[in-house]
Amino acid sequence: MSKKIIILNGSPRKTGNTAALTSEFAKGAREAGNTVTEFFLGSMNIHGCKGCFGGGKNPDSPCVQKDDMDKIYPVYKEADIVVLASPLYYWTISGQLKTAFDRLFAVAECDPNYRNPRKESVLIMAAEGHGFEESEYWYDRLEKHLGWKSLGKILCGGVMAVGDIKDKQELKDAYELGKAIG
């Protein structure tokens, strides 16, 4: 059965190494019959969460702030799988991804018990180095707290400059992970 997949790409570079990984993942997922929608968060107008607990009153536009998150909310709510993609910045995910993910709390506010929608997820990251431990810790705890199920992680280190990822095994791994969904 085909799945709906949303990719939240927190890289500021649409043609960078993180984008190369998400492109291969999406290619495999589409070939397996799934629908994939990718958002490049760095080029979107998304403001930080205000922590106001004012969301959840309008399921179509759950946050009180009106910005480009309104493009993400409907796709996120319909998605079966959420792909969190980011370069490694100061040993964790990018601010672009964290800001957008924080704003997804408005969807949980639509539920009287603040329950998040149940999803499956994937973590995709690229980095100059190889220190993904803090990001993995964050992701693993996020999965636990939200009640989500991880389908896998693609973590590619040693890729500083755009294009360094060419011929890396992780590109094939990303494709295969996408292809396995369905």
N, C-alpha and C. Protein backbone atom coordinates (compact mmCIF):
# COMPACT_ATOMS: atom_id res chain seq x y z
N MET A 1 0.84 -1.18 0.00
CA MET A 1 0.00 0.00 0.00
C MET A 1 0.89 1.24 0.00
N SER A 2 0.56 2.20 -0.85
CA SER A 2 1.40 3.39 -0.95
C SER A 2 1.24 4.28 0.27
N LYS A 3 2.31 4.99 0.56
CA LYS A 3 2.35 5.87 1.73
C LYS A 3 2.55 7.31 1.27
N LYS A 4 2.10 8.23 2.12
CA LYS A 4 2.34 9.65 1.90
C LYS A 4 3.52 10.05 2.78
N ILE A 5 4.53 10.65 2.15
CA ILE A 5 5.78 10.98 2.83
C ILE A 5 6.02 12.48 2.73
N ILE A 6 6.34 13.09 3.86
CA ILE A 6 6.76 14.49 3.88
C ILE A 6 8.22 14.55 4.30
N ILE A 7 9.00 15.32 3.54
CA ILE A 7 10.39 15.55 3.89
C ILE A 7 10.52 16.99 4.34
N LEU A 8 10.98 17.18 5.57
CA LEU A 8 11.29 18.51 6.09
C LEU A 8 12.79 18.67 6.01
N ASN A 9 13.25 19.39 4.99
CA ASN A 9 14.67 19.53 4.72
C ASN A 9 15.17 20.83 5.34
N GLY A 10 15.96 20.71 6.40
CA GLY A 10 16.48 21.85 7.12
C GLY A 10 17.79 22.40 6.60
N SER A 11 18.22 21.98 5.43
CA SER A 11 19.45 22.51 4.87
C SER A 11 19.17 23.81 4.14
N PRO A 12 20.07 24.79 4.26
CA PRO A 12 19.88 26.03 3.50
C PRO A 12 20.27 25.89 2.03
N ARG A 13 20.89 24.76 1.67
CA ARG A 13 21.34 24.57 0.29
C ARG A 13 20.46 23.56 -0.43
N LYS A 14 19.73 24.02 -1.44
CA LYS A 14 18.84 23.14 -2.18
C LYS A 14 19.58 22.13 -3.05
N THR A 15 20.86 22.34 -3.26
CA THR A 15 21.65 21.39 -4.06
C THR A 15 22.84 20.86 -3.28
N GLY A 16 22.74 20.88 -1.97
CA GLY A 16 23.82 20.41 -1.11
C GLY A 16 23.79 18.91 -0.88
N ASN A 17 24.61 18.48 0.05
CA ASN A 17 24.74 17.05 0.34
C ASN A 17 23.50 16.47 1.00
N THR A 18 22.85 17.23 1.88
CA THR A 18 21.60 16.75 2.49
C THR A 18 20.54 16.57 1.41
N ALA A 19 20.46 17.53 0.49
CA ALA A 19 19.49 17.45 -0.61
C ALA A 19 19.77 16.25 -1.51
N ALA A 20 21.04 15.92 -1.70
CA ALA A 20 21.38 14.73 -2.50
C ALA A 20 20.83 13.47 -1.84
N LEU A 21 20.95 13.40 -0.51
CA LEU A 21 20.42 12.24 0.21
C LEU A 21 18.89 12.18 0.12
N THR A 22 18.22 13.33 0.33
CA THR A 22 16.75 13.31 0.26
C THR A 22 16.27 13.02 -1.15
N SER A 23 17.02 13.47 -2.15
CA SER A 23 16.65 13.19 -3.54
C SER A 23 16.68 11.69 -3.83
N GLU A 24 17.72 11.03 -3.37
CA GLU A 24 17.81 9.58 -3.57
C GLU A 24 16.73 8.84 -2.78
N PHE A 25 16.49 9.27 -1.56
CA PHE A 25 15.42 8.66 -0.76
C PHE A 25 14.09 8.82 -1.48
N ALA A 26 13.78 10.04 -1.94
CA ALA A 26 12.52 10.32 -2.62
C ALA A 26 12.40 9.51 -3.91
N LYS A 27 13.49 9.39 -4.64
CA LYS A 27 13.48 8.61 -5.88
C LYS A 27 13.08 7.16 -5.59
N GLY A 28 13.71 6.56 -4.60
CA GLY A 28 13.36 5.18 -4.24
C GLY A 28 11.93 5.06 -3.76
N ALA A 29 11.49 6.01 -2.93
CA ALA A 29 10.12 5.98 -2.40
C ALA A 29 9.09 6.12 -3.52
N ARG A 30 9.34 7.01 -4.46
CA ARG A 30 8.40 7.18 -5.58
C ARG A 30 8.36 5.93 -6.47
N GLU A 31 9.54 5.35 -6.71
CA GLU A 31 9.58 4.12 -7.51
C GLU A 31 8.79 3.00 -6.84
N ALA A 32 8.70 3.03 -5.52
CA ALA A 32 7.94 2.02 -4.78
C ALA A 32 6.44 2.36 -4.75
N GLY A 33 6.05 3.47 -5.38
CA GLY A 33 4.63 3.82 -5.47
C GLY A 33 4.14 4.80 -4.42
N ASN A 34 5.04 5.41 -3.68
CA ASN A 34 4.66 6.36 -2.64
C ASN A 34 4.61 7.78 -3.17
N THR A 35 3.91 8.64 -2.44
CA THR A 35 3.85 10.07 -2.75
C THR A 35 4.81 10.79 -1.82
N VAL A 36 5.65 11.66 -2.39
CA VAL A 36 6.66 12.37 -1.60
C VAL A 36 6.53 13.87 -1.84
N THR A 37 6.45 14.63 -0.75
CA THR A 37 6.46 16.09 -0.81
C THR A 37 7.60 16.58 0.06
N GLU A 38 8.49 17.38 -0.55
CA GLU A 38 9.64 17.90 0.19
C GLU A 38 9.52 19.41 0.35
N PHE A 39 9.78 19.87 1.56
CA PHE A 39 9.82 21.29 1.86
C PHE A 39 11.25 21.69 2.20
N PHE A 40 11.78 22.70 1.49
CA PHE A 40 13.09 23.26 1.78
C PHE A 40 12.88 24.42 2.74
N LEU A 41 13.05 24.14 4.01
CA LEU A 41 12.67 25.07 5.07
C LEU A 41 13.48 26.37 5.05
N GLY A 42 14.71 26.31 4.58
CA GLY A 42 15.56 27.49 4.56
C GLY A 42 15.06 28.60 3.65
N SER A 43 14.24 28.26 2.67
CA SER A 43 13.71 29.27 1.76
C SER A 43 12.25 29.63 2.08
N MET A 44 11.79 29.17 3.23
CA MET A 44 10.41 29.44 3.63
C MET A 44 10.39 30.47 4.76
N ASN A 45 9.28 31.17 4.87
CA ASN A 45 9.07 32.16 5.92
C ASN A 45 8.40 31.47 7.11
N ILE A 46 9.23 31.00 8.05
CA ILE A 46 8.72 30.27 9.21
C ILE A 46 9.29 30.92 10.47
N HIS A 47 8.40 31.36 11.33
CA HIS A 47 8.79 32.01 12.58
C HIS A 47 8.86 30.98 13.71
N GLY A 48 9.63 31.28 14.73
CA GLY A 48 9.76 30.40 15.87
C GLY A 48 8.47 30.30 16.68
N CYS A 49 8.30 29.19 17.36
CA CYS A 49 7.13 28.98 18.22
C CYS A 49 7.15 30.02 19.35
N LYS A 50 5.97 30.56 19.65
CA LYS A 50 5.85 31.54 20.73
C LYS A 50 5.51 30.90 22.07
N GLY A 51 5.22 29.61 22.06
CA GLY A 51 4.87 28.93 23.30
C GLY A 51 3.59 29.48 23.92
N CYS A 52 2.68 29.94 23.08
CA CYS A 52 1.49 30.64 23.57
C CYS A 52 0.32 29.71 23.90
N PHE A 53 0.41 28.45 23.48
CA PHE A 53 -0.69 27.49 23.66
C PHE A 53 -2.00 28.03 23.08
N GLY A 54 -1.89 28.83 22.03
CA GLY A 54 -3.08 29.41 21.40
C GLY A 54 -3.51 28.68 20.14
N GLY A 55 -2.79 27.65 19.76
CA GLY A 55 -3.12 26.93 18.53
C GLY A 55 -4.22 25.90 18.75
N GLY A 56 -4.51 25.19 17.66
CA GLY A 56 -5.45 24.08 17.73
C GLY A 56 -6.90 24.44 17.56
N LYS A 57 -7.20 25.70 17.34
CA LYS A 57 -8.60 26.11 17.21
C LYS A 57 -9.13 25.93 15.78
N ASN A 58 -8.22 25.95 14.81
CA ASN A 58 -8.60 25.77 13.42
C ASN A 58 -7.74 24.66 12.83
N PRO A 59 -8.29 23.47 12.64
CA PRO A 59 -7.49 22.35 12.15
C PRO A 59 -6.82 22.61 10.79
N ASP A 60 -7.40 23.48 9.97
CA ASP A 60 -6.81 23.78 8.66
C ASP A 60 -5.61 24.72 8.77
N SER A 61 -5.57 25.52 9.80
CA SER A 61 -4.47 26.47 10.04
C SER A 61 -4.28 26.53 11.55
N PRO A 62 -3.66 25.47 12.13
CA PRO A 62 -3.69 25.29 13.58
C PRO A 62 -2.92 26.30 14.42
N CYS A 63 -1.93 26.98 13.87
CA CYS A 63 -1.13 27.91 14.66
C CYS A 63 -1.69 29.33 14.55
N VAL A 64 -1.55 30.11 15.61
CA VAL A 64 -2.01 31.50 15.59
C VAL A 64 -1.14 32.35 14.68
N GLN A 65 0.11 31.94 14.47
CA GLN A 65 0.98 32.66 13.54
C GLN A 65 0.63 32.24 12.11
N LYS A 66 0.60 33.18 11.23
CA LYS A 66 0.28 32.88 9.83
C LYS A 66 1.53 33.13 8.98
N ASP A 67 2.15 32.04 8.58
CA ASP A 67 3.34 32.10 7.75
C ASP A 67 3.36 30.84 6.88
N ASP A 68 4.51 30.47 6.38
CA ASP A 68 4.59 29.33 5.47
C ASP A 68 4.34 27.97 6.11
N MET A 69 4.21 27.92 7.42
CA MET A 69 3.82 26.65 8.04
C MET A 69 2.45 26.21 7.55
N ASP A 70 1.62 27.16 7.13
CA ASP A 70 0.31 26.79 6.60
C ASP A 70 0.41 25.95 5.33
N LYS A 71 1.55 25.97 4.66
CA LYS A 71 1.77 25.08 3.51
C LYS A 71 2.15 23.68 3.98
N ILE A 72 2.80 23.61 5.13
CA ILE A 72 3.30 22.34 5.66
C ILE A 72 2.20 21.57 6.41
N TYR A 73 1.39 22.28 7.19
CA TYR A 73 0.41 21.60 8.05
C TYR A 73 -0.46 20.57 7.33
N PRO A 74 -1.09 20.90 6.21
CA PRO A 74 -1.97 19.88 5.59
C PRO A 74 -1.21 18.65 5.10
N VAL A 75 0.00 18.84 4.60
CA VAL A 75 0.80 17.72 4.11
C VAL A 75 1.26 16.86 5.30
N TYR A 76 1.67 17.52 6.36
CA TYR A 76 2.10 16.82 7.58
C TYR A 76 0.96 15.99 8.16
N LYS A 77 -0.22 16.58 8.25
CA LYS A 77 -1.34 15.86 8.86
C LYS A 77 -1.72 14.62 8.06
N GLU A 78 -1.59 14.67 6.74
CA GLU A 78 -1.94 13.54 5.88
C GLU A 78 -0.81 12.51 5.76
N ALA A 79 0.39 12.91 6.12
CA ALA A 79 1.56 12.05 5.92
C ALA A 79 1.54 10.83 6.83
N ASP A 80 2.00 9.73 6.28
CA ASP A 80 2.23 8.52 7.05
C ASP A 80 3.65 8.52 7.62
N ILE A 81 4.56 9.14 6.86
CA ILE A 81 5.97 9.14 7.22
C ILE A 81 6.52 10.56 7.18
N VAL A 82 7.29 10.92 8.21
CA VAL A 82 7.94 12.22 8.28
C VAL A 82 9.45 11.98 8.20
N VAL A 83 10.09 12.60 7.21
CA VAL A 83 11.54 12.53 7.07
C VAL A 83 12.11 13.84 7.60
N LEU A 84 12.97 13.73 8.59
CA LEU A 84 13.66 14.88 9.16
C LEU A 84 15.06 14.89 8.57
N ALA A 85 15.34 15.90 7.75
CA ALA A 85 16.61 15.98 7.03
C ALA A 85 17.34 17.26 7.42
N SER A 86 18.65 17.13 7.67
CA SER A 86 19.41 18.29 8.11
C SER A 86 20.90 18.05 7.96
N PRO A 87 21.64 19.12 7.69
CA PRO A 87 23.07 19.01 7.89
C PRO A 87 23.35 19.03 9.39
N LEU A 88 24.50 18.58 9.77
CA LEU A 88 24.89 18.62 11.18
C LEU A 88 25.47 20.00 11.47
N TYR A 89 24.80 20.76 12.33
CA TYR A 89 25.25 22.09 12.72
C TYR A 89 25.52 22.08 14.21
N TYR A 90 26.74 22.34 14.59
CA TYR A 90 27.12 22.35 16.00
C TYR A 90 26.60 21.11 16.72
N TRP A 91 26.81 19.97 16.10
CA TRP A 91 26.53 18.64 16.63
C TRP A 91 25.05 18.32 16.81
N THR A 92 24.20 19.04 16.10
CA THR A 92 22.77 18.73 16.16
C THR A 92 22.11 19.17 14.85
N ILE A 93 20.78 19.11 14.83
CA ILE A 93 20.05 19.49 13.62
C ILE A 93 20.11 21.00 13.42
N SER A 94 19.80 21.44 12.22
CA SER A 94 19.83 22.86 11.90
C SER A 94 18.68 23.61 12.59
N GLY A 95 18.88 24.89 12.76
CA GLY A 95 17.83 25.74 13.33
C GLY A 95 16.59 25.76 12.47
N GLN A 96 16.76 25.67 11.15
CA GLN A 96 15.61 25.67 10.25
C GLN A 96 14.68 24.49 10.54
N LEU A 97 15.28 23.31 10.72
CA LEU A 97 14.47 22.12 11.00
C LEU A 97 13.86 22.20 12.39
N LYS A 98 14.63 22.62 13.37
CA LYS A 98 14.11 22.71 14.74
C LYS A 98 12.95 23.70 14.83
N THR A 99 13.07 24.85 14.17
CA THR A 99 12.02 25.85 14.19
C THR A 99 10.72 25.31 13.61
N ALA A 100 10.81 24.68 12.45
CA ALA A 100 9.61 24.12 11.81
C ALA A 100 9.02 23.00 12.66
N PHE A 101 9.89 22.14 13.19
CA PHE A 101 9.36 21.02 13.97
C PHE A 101 8.67 21.51 15.24
N ASP A 102 9.24 22.51 15.90
CA ASP A 102 8.58 23.08 17.08
C ASP A 102 7.16 23.55 16.75
N ARG A 103 6.99 24.13 15.58
CA ARG A 103 5.69 24.67 15.19
C ARG A 103 4.66 23.58 14.90
N LEU A 104 5.09 22.35 14.73
CA LEU A 104 4.13 21.25 14.53
C LEU A 104 3.33 20.97 15.80
N PHE A 105 3.76 21.53 16.92
CA PHE A 105 2.99 21.38 18.17
C PHE A 105 1.57 21.90 18.01
N ALA A 106 1.37 22.88 17.14
CA ALA A 106 0.02 23.41 16.92
C ALA A 106 -0.94 22.33 16.44
N VAL A 107 -0.44 21.33 15.72
CA VAL A 107 -1.28 20.21 15.29
C VAL A 107 -1.68 19.37 16.50
N ALA A 108 -0.75 19.14 17.41
CA ALA A 108 -1.06 18.40 18.64
C ALA A 108 -2.10 19.17 19.47
N GLU A 109 -2.06 20.50 19.41
CA GLU A 109 -3.03 21.31 20.15
C GLU A 109 -4.46 21.11 19.65
N CYS A 110 -4.62 20.55 18.46
CA CYS A 110 -5.96 20.26 17.94
C CYS A 110 -6.61 19.11 18.70
N ASP A 111 -5.82 18.31 19.38
CA ASP A 111 -6.32 17.20 20.18
C ASP A 111 -6.49 17.68 21.62
N PRO A 112 -7.64 17.39 22.27
CA PRO A 112 -7.85 17.86 23.64
C PRO A 112 -6.79 17.39 24.63
N ASN A 113 -6.13 16.28 24.32
CA ASN A 113 -5.08 15.75 25.20
C ASN A 113 -3.68 16.05 24.68
N TYR A 114 -3.58 16.92 23.71
CA TYR A 114 -2.30 17.31 23.09
C TYR A 114 -1.54 16.11 22.52
N ARG A 115 -2.26 15.16 22.00
CA ARG A 115 -1.61 14.00 21.39
C ARG A 115 -1.13 14.37 19.99
N ASN A 116 0.09 13.97 19.69
CA ASN A 116 0.62 14.15 18.34
C ASN A 116 0.09 13.05 17.45
N PRO A 117 -0.11 13.34 16.17
CA PRO A 117 -0.51 12.27 15.26
C PRO A 117 0.56 11.20 15.21
N ARG A 118 0.16 9.94 15.12
CA ARG A 118 1.11 8.83 15.05
C ARG A 118 1.70 8.77 13.65
N LYS A 119 3.01 8.69 13.59
CA LYS A 119 3.73 8.67 12.32
C LYS A 119 4.87 7.67 12.39
N GLU A 120 5.37 7.34 11.21
CA GLU A 120 6.66 6.68 11.09
C GLU A 120 7.63 7.77 10.65
N SER A 121 8.91 7.55 10.87
CA SER A 121 9.85 8.61 10.52
C SER A 121 11.20 8.07 10.10
N VAL A 122 11.98 9.00 9.52
CA VAL A 122 13.33 8.71 9.06
C VAL A 122 14.18 9.93 9.41
N LEU A 123 15.43 9.70 9.79
CA LEU A 123 16.39 10.78 10.01
C LEU A 123 17.45 10.70 8.92
N ILE A 124 17.66 11.81 8.21
CA ILE A 124 18.67 11.90 7.16
C ILE A 124 19.56 13.10 7.48
N MET A 125 20.88 12.84 7.55
CA MET A 125 21.81 13.92 7.86
C MET A 125 23.11 13.77 7.09
N ALA A 126 23.72 14.92 6.79
CA ALA A 126 25.04 14.98 6.18
C ALA A 126 25.91 15.89 7.05
N ALA A 127 27.21 15.61 7.07
CA ALA A 127 28.10 16.41 7.93
C ALA A 127 29.53 16.37 7.44
N GLU A 128 30.26 17.42 7.81
CA GLU A 128 31.70 17.45 7.55
C GLU A 128 32.38 16.34 8.35
N GLY A 129 32.01 16.24 9.61
CA GLY A 129 32.61 15.23 10.49
C GLY A 129 31.74 13.99 10.60
N HIS A 130 31.83 13.36 11.76
CA HIS A 130 31.09 12.11 11.95
C HIS A 130 30.42 12.05 13.32
N GLY A 131 30.22 13.18 13.98
CA GLY A 131 29.69 13.21 15.34
C GLY A 131 28.18 13.39 15.39
N PHE A 132 27.45 12.34 15.05
CA PHE A 132 25.99 12.42 15.01
C PHE A 132 25.31 12.05 16.33
N GLU A 133 26.07 11.77 17.38
CA GLU A 133 25.51 11.21 18.61
C GLU A 133 24.41 12.08 19.21
N GLU A 134 24.63 13.39 19.30
CA GLU A 134 23.63 14.27 19.91
C GLU A 134 22.35 14.31 19.08
N SER A 135 22.50 14.31 17.75
CA SER A 135 21.32 14.30 16.88
C SER A 135 20.56 13.00 17.00
N GLU A 136 21.28 11.91 17.08
CA GLU A 136 20.62 10.61 17.25
C GLU A 136 19.91 10.54 18.59
N TYR A 137 20.55 11.07 19.62
CA TYR A 137 19.92 11.09 20.94
C TYR A 137 18.61 11.87 20.89
N TRP A 138 18.64 13.07 20.28
CA TRP A 138 17.44 13.90 20.15
C TRP A 138 16.36 13.14 19.37
N TYR A 139 16.73 12.57 18.24
CA TYR A 139 15.78 11.85 17.38
C TYR A 139 15.18 10.64 18.11
N ASP A 140 16.01 9.86 18.76
CA ASP A 140 15.52 8.67 19.46
C ASP A 140 14.54 9.05 20.58
N ARG A 141 14.85 10.11 21.32
CA ARG A 141 13.94 10.56 22.39
C ARG A 141 12.67 11.15 21.81
N LEU A 142 12.79 11.87 20.71
CA LEU A 142 11.62 12.42 20.03
C LEU A 142 10.66 11.29 19.64
N GLU A 143 11.21 10.25 19.02
CA GLU A 143 10.40 9.09 18.63
C GLU A 143 9.65 8.51 19.83
N LYS A 144 10.36 8.35 20.91
CA LYS A 144 9.77 7.77 22.12
C LYS A 144 8.65 8.65 22.66
N HIS A 145 8.91 9.94 22.77
CA HIS A 145 7.92 10.85 23.35
C HIS A 145 6.69 11.02 22.47
N LEU A 146 6.88 11.02 21.16
CA LEU A 146 5.74 11.19 20.25
C LEU A 146 5.02 9.88 19.96
N GLY A 147 5.64 8.76 20.29
CA GLY A 147 5.05 7.47 19.98
C GLY A 147 5.19 7.12 18.50
N TRP A 148 6.21 7.68 17.87
CA TRP A 148 6.46 7.40 16.47
C TRP A 148 7.37 6.18 16.33
N LYS A 149 7.43 5.64 15.11
CA LYS A 149 8.29 4.49 14.83
C LYS A 149 9.32 4.88 13.78
N SER A 150 10.58 4.73 14.12
CA SER A 150 11.65 5.05 13.18
C SER A 150 11.81 3.92 12.17
N LEU A 151 11.90 4.32 10.90
CA LEU A 151 12.15 3.36 9.83
C LEU A 151 13.64 3.27 9.49
N GLY A 152 14.41 4.22 10.03
CA GLY A 152 15.85 4.17 9.80
C GLY A 152 16.50 5.53 9.83
N LYS A 153 17.82 5.49 9.78
CA LYS A 153 18.65 6.71 9.78
C LYS A 153 19.68 6.58 8.67
N ILE A 154 19.87 7.65 7.95
CA ILE A 154 20.95 7.74 6.98
C ILE A 154 21.83 8.89 7.44
N LEU A 155 23.03 8.58 7.89
CA LEU A 155 23.96 9.56 8.45
C LEU A 155 25.25 9.50 7.65
N CYS A 156 25.53 10.57 6.91
CA CYS A 156 26.69 10.58 6.02
C CYS A 156 27.69 11.63 6.47
N GLY A 157 28.80 11.18 7.01
CA GLY A 157 29.87 12.08 7.43
C GLY A 157 30.94 12.21 6.36
N GLY A 158 31.82 13.19 6.56
CA GLY A 158 32.94 13.39 5.64
C GLY A 158 32.57 14.10 4.36
N VAL A 159 31.51 14.91 4.40
CA VAL A 159 31.04 15.60 3.20
C VAL A 159 30.88 17.10 3.48
N MET A 160 31.94 17.84 3.32
CA MET A 160 31.94 19.28 3.63
C MET A 160 31.42 20.10 2.45
N ALA A 161 32.08 20.02 1.32
CA ALA A 161 31.73 20.84 0.16
C ALA A 161 30.57 20.22 -0.60
N VAL A 162 29.81 21.07 -1.27
CA VAL A 162 28.72 20.59 -2.12
C VAL A 162 29.32 19.61 -3.13
N GLY A 163 28.72 18.46 -3.24
CA GLY A 163 29.18 17.44 -4.18
C GLY A 163 30.10 16.40 -3.58
N ASP A 164 30.59 16.63 -2.38
CA ASP A 164 31.46 15.64 -1.74
C ASP A 164 30.77 14.29 -1.55
N ILE A 165 29.47 14.31 -1.58
CA ILE A 165 28.69 13.10 -1.32
C ILE A 165 28.65 12.15 -2.52
N LYS A 166 29.06 12.65 -3.68
CA LYS A 166 29.02 11.84 -4.89
C LYS A 166 29.75 10.51 -4.65
N ASP A 167 29.12 9.44 -5.05
CA ASP A 167 29.66 8.07 -4.95
C ASP A 167 29.75 7.53 -3.52
N LYS A 168 29.14 8.20 -2.56
CA LYS A 168 29.12 7.69 -1.17
C LYS A 168 28.06 6.58 -1.05
N GLN A 169 28.35 5.60 -0.25
CA GLN A 169 27.43 4.49 0.00
C GLN A 169 26.09 4.97 0.55
N GLU A 170 26.12 6.05 1.34
CA GLU A 170 24.89 6.55 1.96
C GLU A 170 23.85 7.00 0.94
N LEU A 171 24.28 7.41 -0.25
CA LEU A 171 23.32 7.75 -1.31
C LEU A 171 22.54 6.50 -1.71
N LYS A 172 23.24 5.39 -1.86
CA LYS A 172 22.59 4.12 -2.20
C LYS A 172 21.69 3.67 -1.05
N ASP A 173 22.18 3.86 0.18
CA ASP A 173 21.39 3.48 1.35
C ASP A 173 20.09 4.29 1.42
N ALA A 174 20.17 5.58 1.10
CA ALA A 174 18.99 6.44 1.12
C ALA A 174 17.98 5.97 0.07
N TYR A 175 18.47 5.66 -1.12
CA TYR A 175 17.61 5.15 -2.18
C TYR A 175 16.93 3.86 -1.73
N GLU A 176 17.71 2.94 -1.20
CA GLU A 176 17.18 1.63 -0.79
C GLU A 176 16.16 1.77 0.34
N LEU A 177 16.41 2.68 1.28
CA LEU A 177 15.45 2.90 2.36
C LEU A 177 14.14 3.42 1.79
N GLY A 178 14.22 4.38 0.88
CA GLY A 178 13.00 4.88 0.23
C GLY A 178 12.28 3.79 -0.55
N LYS A 179 13.03 3.00 -1.28
CA LYS A 179 12.46 1.92 -2.10
C LYS A 179 11.77 0.86 -1.22
N ALA A 180 12.25 0.67 0.00
CA ALA A 180 11.69 -0.36 0.90
C ALA A 180 10.35 0.05 1.51
N ILE A 181 9.97 1.30 1.35
CA ILE A 181 8.72 1.76 1.93
C ILE A 181 7.57 1.47 0.98
N GLY A 182 6.57 0.85 1.49
CA GLY A 182 5.41 0.58 0.65
C GLY A 182 4.63 -0.61 1.08
